[in-house]
Amino acid sequence: MEAKIFQSGNSQAVRIPKEFRFDVNTVEIFKRGDELVLRPRPANLAVALSKLGAMPDDFMQEGRVDEMPQARVEF
């Protein structure tokens, strides 16, 4: 499939076909070899921490139970 490139002010823009529309407002752009890659920006630490804040008050109230390490044969 082809996409059209056009000028938008001082920038170059690409008209993305409907089948490839993003459902986000911001994408990440980078080069991989001779390819130009667009993808939704990955969530950052602030987003992850905000989701942790939404955990119920009794989440892991009794702490984390760590099992004893397994006995293993040395190499």
N, C-alpha and C. Protein backbone atom coordinates (compact mmCIF):
# COMPACT_ATOMS: atom_id res chain seq x y z
N MET A 1 0.84 -1.17 0.00
CA MET A 1 0.00 0.00 0.00
C MET A 1 0.89 1.24 0.00
N GLU A 2 0.44 2.27 -0.65
CA GLU A 2 1.19 3.53 -0.70
C GLU A 2 0.48 4.59 0.12
N ALA A 3 1.26 5.58 0.57
CA ALA A 3 0.71 6.73 1.29
C ALA A 3 1.30 7.98 0.66
N LYS A 4 0.53 9.05 0.64
CA LYS A 4 0.97 10.32 0.06
C LYS A 4 1.74 11.14 1.08
N ILE A 5 2.82 11.78 0.62
CA ILE A 5 3.62 12.70 1.43
C ILE A 5 3.32 14.11 0.95
N PHE A 6 3.17 15.05 1.91
CA PHE A 6 2.89 16.44 1.55
C PHE A 6 3.53 17.37 2.55
N GLN A 7 3.62 18.66 2.18
CA GLN A 7 4.17 19.68 3.07
C GLN A 7 3.07 20.21 3.97
N SER A 8 3.41 20.40 5.24
CA SER A 8 2.51 21.01 6.22
C SER A 8 3.34 22.05 6.96
N GLY A 9 3.27 23.29 6.49
CA GLY A 9 4.15 24.33 7.05
C GLY A 9 5.58 24.01 6.68
N ASN A 10 6.47 23.98 7.66
CA ASN A 10 7.88 23.63 7.42
C ASN A 10 8.14 22.14 7.59
N SER A 11 7.11 21.36 7.85
CA SER A 11 7.27 19.93 8.10
C SER A 11 6.75 19.11 6.93
N GLN A 12 7.23 17.89 6.86
CA GLN A 12 6.73 16.94 5.88
C GLN A 12 5.72 16.06 6.61
N ALA A 13 4.61 15.73 5.98
CA ALA A 13 3.56 14.92 6.60
C ALA A 13 3.20 13.76 5.69
N VAL A 14 2.64 12.73 6.30
CA VAL A 14 2.20 11.54 5.56
C VAL A 14 0.71 11.36 5.80
N ARG A 15 -0.04 11.18 4.74
CA ARG A 15 -1.47 10.89 4.87
C ARG A 15 -1.60 9.39 5.10
N ILE A 16 -2.03 9.03 6.31
CA ILE A 16 -2.11 7.62 6.69
C ILE A 16 -3.47 7.06 6.27
N PRO A 17 -3.48 5.95 5.53
CA PRO A 17 -4.75 5.35 5.11
C PRO A 17 -5.61 4.95 6.31
N LYS A 18 -6.92 4.94 6.09
CA LYS A 18 -7.88 4.66 7.15
C LYS A 18 -7.59 3.34 7.87
N GLU A 19 -7.13 2.34 7.16
CA GLU A 19 -6.86 1.02 7.76
C GLU A 19 -5.75 1.07 8.81
N PHE A 20 -4.91 2.11 8.75
CA PHE A 20 -3.76 2.20 9.65
C PHE A 20 -3.90 3.31 10.68
N ARG A 21 -5.10 3.84 10.85
CA ARG A 21 -5.31 4.94 11.80
C ARG A 21 -4.89 4.54 13.20
N PHE A 22 -4.34 5.51 13.93
CA PHE A 22 -3.98 5.33 15.33
C PHE A 22 -5.16 5.78 16.19
N ASP A 23 -5.32 5.17 17.35
CA ASP A 23 -6.37 5.60 18.28
C ASP A 23 -5.78 6.40 19.44
N VAL A 24 -4.62 7.02 19.20
CA VAL A 24 -3.94 7.85 20.20
C VAL A 24 -3.65 9.21 19.58
N ASN A 25 -3.29 10.19 20.42
CA ASN A 25 -2.99 11.53 19.92
C ASN A 25 -1.51 11.73 19.62
N THR A 26 -0.64 10.92 20.22
CA THR A 26 0.80 11.08 20.06
C THR A 26 1.42 9.75 19.70
N VAL A 27 2.31 9.77 18.72
CA VAL A 27 3.04 8.56 18.35
C VAL A 27 4.54 8.80 18.51
N GLU A 28 5.26 7.71 18.62
CA GLU A 28 6.71 7.75 18.67
C GLU A 28 7.20 7.50 17.24
N ILE A 29 8.25 8.20 16.84
CA ILE A 29 8.79 8.02 15.49
C ILE A 29 10.29 7.79 15.61
N PHE A 30 10.80 6.80 14.87
CA PHE A 30 12.24 6.54 14.88
C PHE A 30 12.62 5.79 13.61
N LYS A 31 13.92 5.79 13.32
CA LYS A 31 14.43 5.06 12.16
C LYS A 31 14.98 3.73 12.62
N ARG A 32 14.69 2.68 11.85
CA ARG A 32 15.26 1.36 12.07
C ARG A 32 15.82 0.93 10.72
N GLY A 33 17.14 1.06 10.60
CA GLY A 33 17.77 0.83 9.31
C GLY A 33 17.28 1.87 8.33
N ASP A 34 16.73 1.43 7.19
CA ASP A 34 16.20 2.39 6.22
C ASP A 34 14.68 2.55 6.35
N GLU A 35 14.09 2.03 7.44
CA GLU A 35 12.66 2.16 7.68
C GLU A 35 12.36 3.31 8.64
N LEU A 36 11.25 3.96 8.44
CA LEU A 36 10.74 4.97 9.36
C LEU A 36 9.55 4.33 10.08
N VAL A 37 9.63 4.25 11.40
CA VAL A 37 8.62 3.54 12.18
C VAL A 37 7.79 4.52 13.00
N LEU A 38 6.48 4.37 12.92
CA LEU A 38 5.53 5.12 13.76
C LEU A 38 4.82 4.10 14.64
N ARG A 39 4.71 4.40 15.94
CA ARG A 39 3.97 3.51 16.83
C ARG A 39 3.45 4.32 18.02
N PRO A 40 2.38 3.86 18.66
CA PRO A 40 1.89 4.58 19.84
C PRO A 40 3.01 4.67 20.88
N ARG A 41 3.08 5.83 21.53
CA ARG A 41 4.11 6.00 22.56
C ARG A 41 3.87 5.02 23.69
N PRO A 42 4.93 4.35 24.14
CA PRO A 42 4.75 3.43 25.27
C PRO A 42 4.43 4.22 26.53
N ALA A 43 3.68 3.60 27.43
CA ALA A 43 3.34 4.26 28.69
C ALA A 43 4.63 4.54 29.46
N ASN A 44 4.67 5.67 30.12
CA ASN A 44 5.86 6.00 30.90
C ASN A 44 5.65 5.65 32.37
N LEU A 45 6.65 5.87 33.19
CA LEU A 45 6.59 5.51 34.59
C LEU A 45 5.47 6.23 35.33
N ALA A 46 5.21 7.47 34.97
CA ALA A 46 4.14 8.23 35.64
C ALA A 46 2.79 7.55 35.43
N VAL A 47 2.55 7.02 34.22
CA VAL A 47 1.29 6.32 33.95
C VAL A 47 1.21 5.06 34.79
N ALA A 48 2.31 4.31 34.87
CA ALA A 48 2.33 3.09 35.67
C ALA A 48 2.07 3.40 37.14
N LEU A 49 2.71 4.43 37.66
CA LEU A 49 2.53 4.80 39.07
C LEU A 49 1.11 5.27 39.35
N SER A 50 0.51 5.97 38.39
CA SER A 50 -0.87 6.42 38.61
C SER A 50 -1.82 5.23 38.68
N LYS A 51 -1.52 4.16 37.94
CA LYS A 51 -2.35 2.96 38.01
C LYS A 51 -2.15 2.23 39.33
N LEU A 52 -0.93 2.28 39.86
CA LEU A 52 -0.69 1.67 41.16
C LEU A 52 -1.48 2.40 42.24
N GLY A 53 -1.62 3.70 42.11
CA GLY A 53 -2.38 4.48 43.07
C GLY A 53 -3.84 4.07 43.11
N ALA A 54 -4.30 3.41 42.07
CA ALA A 54 -5.70 3.00 41.99
C ALA A 54 -5.94 1.63 42.63
N MET A 55 -4.90 1.01 43.19
CA MET A 55 -5.05 -0.29 43.83
C MET A 55 -5.87 -0.14 45.11
N PRO A 56 -6.64 -1.16 45.47
CA PRO A 56 -7.43 -1.08 46.71
C PRO A 56 -6.52 -0.98 47.93
N ASP A 57 -7.04 -0.40 49.00
CA ASP A 57 -6.25 -0.20 50.21
C ASP A 57 -5.72 -1.50 50.80
N ASP A 58 -6.45 -2.60 50.62
CA ASP A 58 -6.02 -3.87 51.21
C ASP A 58 -5.13 -4.70 50.26
N PHE A 59 -4.70 -4.11 49.16
CA PHE A 59 -3.84 -4.82 48.22
C PHE A 59 -2.52 -5.19 48.89
N MET A 60 -2.18 -6.46 48.90
CA MET A 60 -0.96 -7.01 49.50
C MET A 60 -0.82 -6.57 50.97
N GLN A 61 -1.93 -6.49 51.65
CA GLN A 61 -1.94 -6.06 53.04
C GLN A 61 -1.11 -7.00 53.91
N GLU A 62 -1.12 -8.27 53.56
CA GLU A 62 -0.37 -9.25 54.35
C GLU A 62 1.05 -9.43 53.83
N GLY A 63 1.47 -8.58 52.94
CA GLY A 63 2.83 -8.65 52.42
C GLY A 63 2.98 -9.67 51.32
N ARG A 64 4.20 -9.82 50.90
CA ARG A 64 4.52 -10.75 49.83
C ARG A 64 5.17 -11.98 50.44
N VAL A 65 4.74 -13.14 50.03
CA VAL A 65 5.31 -14.38 50.55
C VAL A 65 6.34 -14.88 49.55
N ASP A 66 7.60 -14.88 49.96
CA ASP A 66 8.66 -15.39 49.10
C ASP A 66 8.99 -16.82 49.50
N GLU A 67 9.04 -17.67 48.52
CA GLU A 67 9.41 -19.06 48.77
C GLU A 67 10.91 -19.14 48.99
N MET A 68 11.33 -20.19 49.69
CA MET A 68 12.76 -20.42 49.88
C MET A 68 13.37 -20.80 48.53
N PRO A 69 14.63 -20.41 48.30
CA PRO A 69 15.27 -20.78 47.03
C PRO A 69 15.37 -22.30 46.89
N GLN A 70 15.25 -22.75 45.66
CA GLN A 70 15.35 -24.18 45.39
C GLN A 70 16.80 -24.62 45.45
N ALA A 71 17.02 -25.86 45.89
CA ALA A 71 18.37 -26.43 45.84
C ALA A 71 18.63 -26.82 44.39
N ARG A 72 19.76 -26.40 43.86
CA ARG A 72 20.08 -26.68 42.46
C ARG A 72 21.46 -27.30 42.34
N VAL A 73 21.62 -28.09 41.32
CA VAL A 73 22.91 -28.71 41.04
C VAL A 73 23.81 -27.65 40.43
N GLU A 74 25.03 -27.51 40.95
CA GLU A 74 25.96 -26.53 40.39
C GLU A 74 26.55 -27.06 39.09
N PHE A 75 26.88 -26.17 38.20
CA PHE A 75 27.46 -26.56 36.91
C PHE A 75 28.90 -26.94 37.07
